């Protein structure tokens, strides 16, 4: 009986905290989301809009991750493979590490220093993450050459729709 109750409680807990695909798959960003501030590795503040402007005219993959996230770390080899197979597009890594020190240690520990990295110093709950319905990491988004969202929701670098979206945008 105790095992049954334990299994039932674990199931309820798992369902209540499992990842849910957003009901609306957005194709653009709100004004508030674009003004969300992040920090780069040097502590310089930058907005989502500035990041998108830097990559305008290119296909961009946004990778949400954190060094404490086991699913993110398990996905790193395939994320690197996605990047290696798509040298003609840009990748930006948005960290949800809990502290600046954690962000810096994660970049070093997981060999991410040579990539374009930013950290949400405001934490998980902020205008950008709330707008894009960030409820789990890792999470991947594909942004087109005009800074619109082409692939809103992918939880794995192996999601076939990620590569299909990239290929379609490059035609």
N, C-alpha and C. Protein backbone atom coordinates (compact mmCIF):
# COMPACT_ATOMS: atom_id res chain seq x y z
N UNK A 1 0.83 -1.20 0.00
CA UNK A 1 0.00 0.00 0.00
C UNK A 1 0.87 1.26 0.00
N UNK A 2 1.94 1.24 0.81
CA UNK A 2 2.83 2.40 0.86
C UNK A 2 3.48 2.65 -0.50
N UNK A 3 3.85 1.56 -1.18
CA UNK A 3 4.47 1.69 -2.50
C UNK A 3 3.49 2.29 -3.49
N UNK A 4 2.25 1.88 -3.43
CA UNK A 4 1.22 2.40 -4.32
C UNK A 4 1.01 3.91 -4.10
N UNK A 5 0.94 4.30 -2.85
CA UNK A 5 0.78 5.72 -2.52
C UNK A 5 1.99 6.52 -2.98
N UNK A 6 3.17 5.98 -2.76
CA UNK A 6 4.40 6.64 -3.19
C UNK A 6 4.43 6.81 -4.71
N UNK A 7 4.09 5.75 -5.44
CA UNK A 7 4.06 5.82 -6.90
C UNK A 7 3.02 6.84 -7.38
N UNK A 8 1.87 6.85 -6.77
CA UNK A 8 0.82 7.80 -7.12
C UNK A 8 1.29 9.24 -6.89
N UNK A 9 1.92 9.49 -5.75
CA UNK A 9 2.40 10.84 -5.44
C UNK A 9 3.51 11.25 -6.40
N UNK A 10 4.40 10.32 -6.75
CA UNK A 10 5.47 10.62 -7.70
C UNK A 10 4.89 10.95 -9.07
N UNK A 11 3.86 10.23 -9.46
CA UNK A 11 3.20 10.49 -10.74
C UNK A 11 2.55 11.86 -10.77
N UNK A 12 1.85 12.21 -9.71
CA UNK A 12 1.20 13.52 -9.63
C UNK A 12 2.25 14.62 -9.63
N UNK A 13 3.31 14.44 -8.87
CA UNK A 13 4.39 15.43 -8.83
C UNK A 13 5.03 15.58 -10.20
N UNK A 14 5.30 14.46 -10.86
CA UNK A 14 5.93 14.49 -12.18
C UNK A 14 5.07 15.19 -13.20
N UNK A 15 3.78 14.91 -13.20
CA UNK A 15 2.87 15.54 -14.16
C UNK A 15 2.76 17.04 -13.90
N UNK A 16 2.70 17.43 -12.65
CA UNK A 16 2.52 18.85 -12.34
C UNK A 16 3.76 19.67 -12.67
N UNK A 17 4.94 19.04 -12.71
CA UNK A 17 6.16 19.78 -12.98
C UNK A 17 6.78 19.41 -14.33
N UNK A 18 6.09 18.66 -15.14
CA UNK A 18 6.66 18.28 -16.43
C UNK A 18 6.54 19.43 -17.42
N UNK A 19 7.32 19.32 -18.44
CA UNK A 19 7.36 20.35 -19.46
C UNK A 19 6.08 20.31 -20.28
N UNK A 20 5.54 21.49 -20.54
CA UNK A 20 4.33 21.60 -21.33
C UNK A 20 4.60 22.49 -22.53
N UNK A 21 4.20 22.01 -23.71
CA UNK A 21 4.34 22.81 -24.92
C UNK A 21 3.38 23.99 -24.81
N UNK A 22 3.87 25.22 -25.06
CA UNK A 22 2.98 26.38 -24.98
C UNK A 22 1.80 26.24 -25.94
N UNK A 23 0.66 26.75 -25.53
CA UNK A 23 -0.55 26.67 -26.35
C UNK A 23 -0.42 27.50 -27.62
N UNK A 24 0.28 28.63 -27.54
CA UNK A 24 0.46 29.52 -28.69
C UNK A 24 1.93 29.55 -29.05
N UNK A 25 2.24 29.21 -30.29
CA UNK A 25 3.62 29.24 -30.77
C UNK A 25 3.85 30.59 -31.44
N UNK A 26 4.52 31.47 -30.76
CA UNK A 26 4.69 32.85 -31.19
C UNK A 26 5.68 32.97 -32.34
N UNK A 27 5.48 34.02 -33.15
CA UNK A 27 6.36 34.25 -34.30
C UNK A 27 7.14 35.56 -34.18
N UNK A 28 6.91 36.30 -33.12
CA UNK A 28 7.62 37.56 -32.90
C UNK A 28 7.77 37.81 -31.42
N UNK A 29 8.42 38.93 -31.10
CA UNK A 29 8.70 39.28 -29.70
C UNK A 29 7.95 40.55 -29.31
N UNK A 30 7.54 40.63 -28.06
CA UNK A 30 6.91 41.85 -27.55
C UNK A 30 7.99 42.91 -27.31
N UNK A 31 7.54 44.14 -27.22
CA UNK A 31 8.45 45.26 -26.95
C UNK A 31 9.18 45.05 -25.62
N UNK A 32 8.45 44.57 -24.61
CA UNK A 32 9.05 44.33 -23.29
C UNK A 32 10.09 43.21 -23.35
N UNK A 33 9.79 42.16 -24.10
CA UNK A 33 10.73 41.05 -24.23
C UNK A 33 12.02 41.52 -24.90
N UNK A 34 11.90 42.35 -25.91
CA UNK A 34 13.08 42.85 -26.64
C UNK A 34 13.95 43.75 -25.77
N UNK A 35 13.36 44.37 -24.75
CA UNK A 35 14.13 45.26 -23.88
C UNK A 35 14.76 44.54 -22.69
N UNK A 36 14.52 43.23 -22.59
CA UNK A 36 15.10 42.45 -21.50
C UNK A 36 16.62 42.56 -21.51
N UNK A 37 17.19 42.82 -20.35
CA UNK A 37 18.64 42.97 -20.24
C UNK A 37 19.29 41.67 -19.80
N UNK A 38 20.47 41.42 -20.37
CA UNK A 38 21.32 40.30 -20.01
C UNK A 38 22.71 40.86 -19.82
N UNK A 39 23.61 40.01 -19.34
CA UNK A 39 25.01 40.40 -19.21
C UNK A 39 25.85 39.46 -20.06
N UNK A 40 26.91 40.03 -20.67
CA UNK A 40 27.85 39.18 -21.38
C UNK A 40 28.92 38.70 -20.39
N UNK A 41 29.90 37.99 -20.87
CA UNK A 41 30.94 37.44 -20.00
C UNK A 41 31.74 38.51 -19.25
N UNK A 42 31.80 39.71 -19.84
CA UNK A 42 32.56 40.80 -19.24
C UNK A 42 31.72 41.67 -18.32
N UNK A 43 30.45 41.31 -18.14
CA UNK A 43 29.56 42.09 -17.28
C UNK A 43 28.88 43.24 -17.98
N UNK A 44 29.09 43.37 -19.30
CA UNK A 44 28.44 44.43 -20.06
C UNK A 44 26.96 44.08 -20.27
N UNK A 45 26.09 45.06 -20.05
CA UNK A 45 24.66 44.85 -20.21
C UNK A 45 24.27 45.00 -21.68
N UNK A 46 23.42 44.11 -22.13
CA UNK A 46 22.95 44.11 -23.51
C UNK A 46 21.48 43.67 -23.50
N UNK A 47 20.70 44.15 -24.46
CA UNK A 47 19.29 43.77 -24.54
C UNK A 47 19.10 42.68 -25.59
N UNK A 48 17.98 41.99 -25.50
CA UNK A 48 17.63 41.00 -26.52
C UNK A 48 17.60 41.68 -27.89
N UNK A 49 17.05 42.89 -27.97
CA UNK A 49 16.99 43.61 -29.24
C UNK A 49 18.39 43.82 -29.82
N UNK A 50 19.34 44.19 -28.99
CA UNK A 50 20.72 44.38 -29.46
C UNK A 50 21.32 43.07 -29.97
N UNK A 51 21.03 41.98 -29.28
CA UNK A 51 21.53 40.67 -29.72
C UNK A 51 20.94 40.33 -31.09
N UNK A 52 19.63 40.51 -31.24
CA UNK A 52 18.98 40.22 -32.52
C UNK A 52 19.52 41.12 -33.63
N UNK A 53 19.76 42.39 -33.31
CA UNK A 53 20.30 43.32 -34.31
C UNK A 53 21.68 42.87 -34.80
N UNK A 54 22.48 42.33 -33.89
CA UNK A 54 23.82 41.85 -34.26
C UNK A 54 23.76 40.70 -35.25
N UNK A 55 22.65 39.98 -35.26
CA UNK A 55 22.52 38.78 -36.09
C UNK A 55 21.52 38.96 -37.22
N UNK A 56 21.02 40.17 -37.41
CA UNK A 56 20.05 40.43 -38.47
C UNK A 56 20.67 40.04 -39.81
N UNK A 57 19.88 39.40 -40.64
CA UNK A 57 20.35 38.94 -41.94
C UNK A 57 20.91 37.52 -41.90
N UNK A 58 21.01 36.94 -40.70
CA UNK A 58 21.51 35.57 -40.54
C UNK A 58 20.45 34.74 -39.82
N UNK A 59 20.54 33.45 -40.01
CA UNK A 59 19.71 32.53 -39.23
C UNK A 59 20.40 32.38 -37.87
N UNK A 60 19.62 32.44 -36.82
CA UNK A 60 20.15 32.40 -35.46
C UNK A 60 19.45 31.31 -34.65
N UNK A 61 20.23 30.51 -33.95
CA UNK A 61 19.68 29.55 -33.00
C UNK A 61 19.97 30.07 -31.60
N UNK A 62 18.92 30.18 -30.79
CA UNK A 62 19.07 30.57 -29.39
C UNK A 62 18.98 29.29 -28.55
N UNK A 63 19.98 29.09 -27.71
CA UNK A 63 20.06 27.91 -26.85
C UNK A 63 19.99 28.38 -25.40
N UNK A 64 18.90 28.04 -24.71
CA UNK A 64 18.74 28.33 -23.29
C UNK A 64 19.33 27.16 -22.52
N UNK A 65 20.19 27.43 -21.56
CA UNK A 65 20.84 26.35 -20.82
C UNK A 65 21.33 26.86 -19.48
N UNK A 66 21.87 25.95 -18.67
CA UNK A 66 22.52 26.30 -17.40
C UNK A 66 23.46 25.16 -17.03
N UNK A 67 24.53 25.50 -16.33
CA UNK A 67 25.50 24.51 -15.91
C UNK A 67 24.98 23.56 -14.86
N UNK A 68 23.91 23.92 -14.15
CA UNK A 68 23.34 23.06 -13.12
C UNK A 68 22.28 22.12 -13.68
N UNK A 69 21.92 22.30 -14.95
CA UNK A 69 20.81 21.57 -15.57
C UNK A 69 21.31 20.26 -16.19
N UNK A 70 20.94 19.15 -15.60
CA UNK A 70 21.39 17.85 -16.10
C UNK A 70 20.94 17.60 -17.54
N UNK A 71 19.69 17.96 -17.87
CA UNK A 71 19.20 17.77 -19.24
C UNK A 71 20.02 18.60 -20.23
N UNK A 72 20.39 19.81 -19.82
CA UNK A 72 21.21 20.67 -20.68
C UNK A 72 22.58 20.04 -20.93
N UNK A 73 23.18 19.54 -19.88
CA UNK A 73 24.51 18.94 -19.99
C UNK A 73 24.47 17.66 -20.82
N UNK A 74 23.40 16.89 -20.69
CA UNK A 74 23.24 15.70 -21.52
C UNK A 74 23.06 16.07 -22.99
N UNK A 75 22.48 17.23 -23.26
CA UNK A 75 22.23 17.67 -24.63
C UNK A 75 23.45 18.35 -25.26
N UNK A 76 24.43 18.74 -24.45
CA UNK A 76 25.59 19.49 -24.98
C UNK A 76 26.28 18.82 -26.17
N UNK A 77 26.57 17.53 -26.14
CA UNK A 77 27.24 16.94 -27.31
C UNK A 77 26.42 17.09 -28.59
N UNK A 78 25.12 16.88 -28.52
CA UNK A 78 24.27 17.01 -29.71
C UNK A 78 24.10 18.48 -30.10
N UNK A 79 24.11 19.39 -29.12
CA UNK A 79 24.04 20.82 -29.43
C UNK A 79 25.31 21.25 -30.16
N UNK A 80 26.45 20.73 -29.72
CA UNK A 80 27.72 21.03 -30.41
C UNK A 80 27.71 20.45 -31.82
N UNK A 81 27.13 19.28 -31.97
CA UNK A 81 27.02 18.66 -33.29
C UNK A 81 26.13 19.50 -34.20
N UNK A 82 25.02 20.00 -33.68
CA UNK A 82 24.14 20.88 -34.45
C UNK A 82 24.90 22.11 -34.92
N UNK A 83 25.69 22.67 -34.03
CA UNK A 83 26.49 23.85 -34.36
C UNK A 83 27.55 23.51 -35.42
N UNK A 84 28.22 22.39 -35.26
CA UNK A 84 29.25 21.97 -36.22
C UNK A 84 28.66 21.72 -37.61
N UNK A 85 27.44 21.18 -37.66
CA UNK A 85 26.80 20.87 -38.94
C UNK A 85 26.17 22.10 -39.59
N UNK A 86 26.18 23.23 -38.90
CA UNK A 86 25.55 24.45 -39.42
C UNK A 86 26.47 25.65 -39.22
N UNK A 87 27.64 25.58 -39.79
CA UNK A 87 28.64 26.64 -39.62
C UNK A 87 28.22 27.96 -40.26
N UNK A 88 27.23 27.90 -41.14
CA UNK A 88 26.79 29.10 -41.85
C UNK A 88 25.67 29.85 -41.13
N UNK A 89 25.35 29.42 -39.91
CA UNK A 89 24.36 30.17 -39.11
C UNK A 89 24.98 30.54 -37.77
N UNK A 90 24.30 31.43 -37.05
CA UNK A 90 24.81 31.92 -35.78
C UNK A 90 24.12 31.19 -34.61
N UNK A 91 24.86 31.07 -33.52
CA UNK A 91 24.34 30.47 -32.29
C UNK A 91 24.59 31.43 -31.13
N UNK A 92 23.60 31.61 -30.28
CA UNK A 92 23.71 32.41 -29.07
C UNK A 92 23.26 31.54 -27.91
N UNK A 93 24.00 31.60 -26.83
CA UNK A 93 23.72 30.79 -25.65
C UNK A 93 23.29 31.69 -24.50
N UNK A 94 22.07 31.46 -24.02
CA UNK A 94 21.51 32.26 -22.93
C UNK A 94 21.48 31.41 -21.67
N UNK A 95 22.27 31.83 -20.69
CA UNK A 95 22.45 31.05 -19.47
C UNK A 95 21.45 31.44 -18.39
N UNK A 96 20.95 30.41 -17.73
CA UNK A 96 20.08 30.59 -16.58
C UNK A 96 20.77 30.16 -15.30
N UNK A 97 22.11 30.22 -15.31
CA UNK A 97 22.84 29.94 -14.08
C UNK A 97 22.39 30.92 -13.01
N UNK A 98 22.46 30.50 -11.77
CA UNK A 98 21.88 31.27 -10.66
C UNK A 98 22.73 32.44 -10.19
N UNK A 99 24.00 32.49 -10.59
CA UNK A 99 24.87 33.57 -10.17
C UNK A 99 25.89 33.86 -11.26
N UNK A 100 26.48 35.03 -11.18
CA UNK A 100 27.53 35.39 -12.14
C UNK A 100 28.70 34.41 -12.02
N UNK A 101 29.05 34.04 -10.81
CA UNK A 101 30.13 33.09 -10.59
C UNK A 101 29.78 31.74 -11.20
N UNK A 102 28.54 31.32 -11.03
CA UNK A 102 28.10 30.05 -11.61
C UNK A 102 28.15 30.10 -13.13
N UNK A 103 27.75 31.23 -13.70
CA UNK A 103 27.80 31.44 -15.15
C UNK A 103 29.24 31.31 -15.64
N UNK A 104 30.15 32.01 -14.99
CA UNK A 104 31.55 31.98 -15.40
C UNK A 104 32.15 30.58 -15.25
N UNK A 105 31.84 29.89 -14.17
CA UNK A 105 32.35 28.54 -13.97
C UNK A 105 31.79 27.58 -15.01
N UNK A 106 30.52 27.73 -15.35
CA UNK A 106 29.90 26.86 -16.35
C UNK A 106 30.55 27.05 -17.72
N UNK A 107 30.83 28.30 -18.08
CA UNK A 107 31.46 28.56 -19.38
C UNK A 107 32.82 27.88 -19.45
N UNK A 108 33.56 27.98 -18.37
CA UNK A 108 34.89 27.37 -18.32
C UNK A 108 34.79 25.84 -18.29
N UNK A 109 33.98 25.34 -17.41
CA UNK A 109 33.88 23.90 -17.19
C UNK A 109 33.38 23.14 -18.42
N UNK A 110 32.46 23.76 -19.17
CA UNK A 110 31.85 23.06 -20.30
C UNK A 110 32.36 23.57 -21.65
N UNK A 111 33.51 24.23 -21.62
CA UNK A 111 34.20 24.65 -22.84
C UNK A 111 33.31 25.52 -23.73
N UNK A 112 32.71 26.55 -23.12
CA UNK A 112 31.79 27.43 -23.84
C UNK A 112 32.36 28.84 -24.03
N UNK A 113 33.59 29.07 -23.61
CA UNK A 113 34.17 30.43 -23.63
C UNK A 113 34.29 31.00 -25.04
N UNK A 114 34.40 30.16 -26.05
CA UNK A 114 34.58 30.65 -27.41
C UNK A 114 33.25 30.92 -28.12
N UNK A 115 32.15 30.80 -27.40
CA UNK A 115 30.82 31.00 -27.97
C UNK A 115 30.25 32.34 -27.52
N UNK A 116 29.17 32.75 -28.14
CA UNK A 116 28.49 33.99 -27.77
C UNK A 116 27.53 33.69 -26.62
N UNK A 117 27.90 34.12 -25.43
CA UNK A 117 27.17 33.78 -24.21
C UNK A 117 26.63 35.02 -23.51
N UNK A 118 25.44 34.87 -22.95
CA UNK A 118 24.82 35.91 -22.14
C UNK A 118 24.17 35.24 -20.94
N UNK A 119 24.01 36.03 -19.89
CA UNK A 119 23.47 35.52 -18.63
C UNK A 119 22.32 36.39 -18.18
N UNK A 120 21.21 35.75 -17.78
CA UNK A 120 20.05 36.46 -17.22
C UNK A 120 20.34 36.79 -15.76
N UNK A 121 20.91 37.94 -15.51
CA UNK A 121 21.22 38.35 -14.13
C UNK A 121 19.94 38.56 -13.32
N UNK A 122 18.81 38.73 -14.01
CA UNK A 122 17.53 38.93 -13.34
C UNK A 122 16.88 37.61 -12.94
N UNK A 123 17.49 36.50 -13.33
CA UNK A 123 16.94 35.20 -13.00
C UNK A 123 15.99 34.68 -14.06
N UNK A 124 15.39 33.55 -13.73
CA UNK A 124 14.52 32.85 -14.67
C UNK A 124 13.29 33.68 -15.04
N UNK A 125 12.67 34.28 -14.05
CA UNK A 125 11.44 35.04 -14.29
C UNK A 125 11.78 36.46 -14.71
N UNK A 126 11.61 36.74 -15.98
CA UNK A 126 11.86 38.08 -16.52
C UNK A 126 10.98 38.26 -17.75
N UNK A 127 10.97 39.46 -18.31
CA UNK A 127 10.06 39.77 -19.41
C UNK A 127 10.28 38.87 -20.63
N UNK A 128 11.53 38.58 -20.95
CA UNK A 128 11.79 37.75 -22.13
C UNK A 128 11.35 36.31 -21.90
N UNK A 129 11.83 35.70 -20.82
CA UNK A 129 11.51 34.30 -20.56
C UNK A 129 10.01 34.10 -20.34
N UNK A 130 9.37 35.06 -19.69
CA UNK A 130 7.92 34.96 -19.50
C UNK A 130 7.22 35.03 -20.86
N UNK A 131 7.67 35.93 -21.73
CA UNK A 131 7.03 36.09 -23.04
C UNK A 131 7.18 34.83 -23.89
N UNK A 132 8.36 34.20 -23.85
CA UNK A 132 8.58 33.00 -24.68
C UNK A 132 8.15 31.72 -23.97
N UNK A 133 7.45 31.86 -22.86
CA UNK A 133 6.90 30.70 -22.14
C UNK A 133 7.99 29.71 -21.76
N UNK A 134 9.11 30.22 -21.26
CA UNK A 134 10.21 29.34 -20.87
C UNK A 134 9.81 28.60 -19.61
N UNK A 135 9.60 27.29 -19.75
CA UNK A 135 9.17 26.48 -18.62
C UNK A 135 10.11 25.31 -18.38
N UNK A 136 11.17 25.21 -19.18
CA UNK A 136 12.08 24.08 -19.08
C UNK A 136 13.33 24.41 -19.86
N UNK A 137 14.44 23.87 -19.43
CA UNK A 137 15.65 23.95 -20.23
C UNK A 137 16.26 22.56 -20.31
N UNK A 138 16.93 22.25 -21.40
CA UNK A 138 17.27 23.14 -22.49
C UNK A 138 16.05 23.47 -23.35
N UNK A 139 16.21 24.54 -24.06
CA UNK A 139 15.17 25.01 -25.00
C UNK A 139 15.90 25.67 -26.16
N UNK A 140 15.40 25.45 -27.35
CA UNK A 140 16.01 25.99 -28.56
C UNK A 140 14.97 26.73 -29.37
N UNK A 141 15.39 27.86 -29.93
CA UNK A 141 14.54 28.64 -30.82
C UNK A 141 15.35 28.97 -32.07
N UNK A 142 14.68 29.03 -33.22
CA UNK A 142 15.32 29.44 -34.46
C UNK A 142 14.72 30.78 -34.86
N UNK A 143 15.61 31.74 -35.10
CA UNK A 143 15.21 33.10 -35.49
C UNK A 143 15.63 33.29 -36.95
N UNK A 144 14.74 33.84 -37.75
CA UNK A 144 15.06 34.01 -39.17
C UNK A 144 15.87 35.28 -39.43
N UNK A 145 16.17 35.52 -40.68
CA UNK A 145 17.03 36.63 -41.08
C UNK A 145 16.42 38.01 -40.77
N UNK A 146 15.11 38.05 -40.52
CA UNK A 146 14.44 39.33 -40.20
C UNK A 146 14.10 39.44 -38.72
N UNK A 147 14.70 38.58 -37.91
CA UNK A 147 14.51 38.55 -36.45
C UNK A 147 13.12 38.10 -36.02
N UNK A 148 12.46 37.33 -36.85
CA UNK A 148 11.18 36.71 -36.47
C UNK A 148 11.46 35.29 -36.00
N UNK A 149 10.55 34.76 -35.22
CA UNK A 149 10.71 33.41 -34.70
C UNK A 149 10.21 32.41 -35.73
N UNK A 150 11.08 31.51 -36.18
CA UNK A 150 10.69 30.48 -37.14
C UNK A 150 10.40 29.15 -36.47
N UNK A 151 11.14 28.84 -35.43
CA UNK A 151 10.88 27.63 -34.62
C UNK A 151 10.84 28.09 -33.18
N UNK A 152 9.67 28.04 -32.60
CA UNK A 152 9.43 28.61 -31.28
C UNK A 152 9.83 27.68 -30.15
N UNK A 153 9.65 26.38 -30.35
CA UNK A 153 9.74 25.49 -29.21
C UNK A 153 10.39 24.17 -29.59
N UNK A 154 11.60 23.96 -29.13
CA UNK A 154 12.27 22.67 -29.26
C UNK A 154 13.02 22.42 -27.95
N UNK A 155 12.95 21.21 -27.45
CA UNK A 155 13.60 20.91 -26.17
C UNK A 155 14.84 20.04 -26.34
N UNK A 156 15.17 19.73 -27.59
CA UNK A 156 16.34 18.91 -27.85
C UNK A 156 17.02 19.39 -29.12
N UNK A 157 18.35 19.37 -29.14
CA UNK A 157 19.05 19.72 -30.38
C UNK A 157 18.83 18.67 -31.45
N UNK A 158 18.29 17.52 -31.06
CA UNK A 158 18.00 16.46 -32.02
C UNK A 158 16.59 16.54 -32.60
N UNK A 159 15.81 17.53 -32.18
CA UNK A 159 14.47 17.72 -32.73
C UNK A 159 14.60 17.90 -34.24
N UNK A 160 14.05 17.01 -35.05
CA UNK A 160 14.22 17.12 -36.51
C UNK A 160 13.69 18.43 -37.08
N UNK A 161 12.70 19.02 -36.42
CA UNK A 161 12.15 20.29 -36.91
C UNK A 161 13.17 21.43 -36.81
N UNK A 162 14.12 21.33 -35.88
CA UNK A 162 15.17 22.36 -35.79
C UNK A 162 15.95 22.41 -37.09
N UNK A 163 16.49 21.28 -37.51
CA UNK A 163 17.30 21.25 -38.73
C UNK A 163 16.44 21.56 -39.95
N UNK A 164 15.22 21.06 -39.99
CA UNK A 164 14.32 21.34 -41.12
C UNK A 164 14.05 22.84 -41.24
N UNK A 165 13.86 23.50 -40.10
CA UNK A 165 13.61 24.95 -40.11
C UNK A 165 14.85 25.69 -40.60
N UNK A 166 16.01 25.30 -40.11
CA UNK A 166 17.27 25.92 -40.55
C UNK A 166 17.44 25.75 -42.06
N UNK A 167 17.23 24.52 -42.55
CA UNK A 167 17.41 24.24 -43.97
C UNK A 167 16.44 25.07 -44.83
N UNK A 168 15.20 25.17 -44.37
CA UNK A 168 14.19 25.94 -45.12
C UNK A 168 14.58 27.42 -45.18
N UNK A 169 15.10 27.95 -44.09
CA UNK A 169 15.47 29.37 -44.05
C UNK A 169 16.70 29.67 -44.92
N UNK A 170 17.53 28.68 -45.13
CA UNK A 170 18.75 28.90 -45.92
C UNK A 170 18.53 28.75 -47.42
N UNK A 171 17.35 28.30 -47.82
CA UNK A 171 17.07 28.12 -49.26
C UNK A 171 16.87 29.45 -49.95
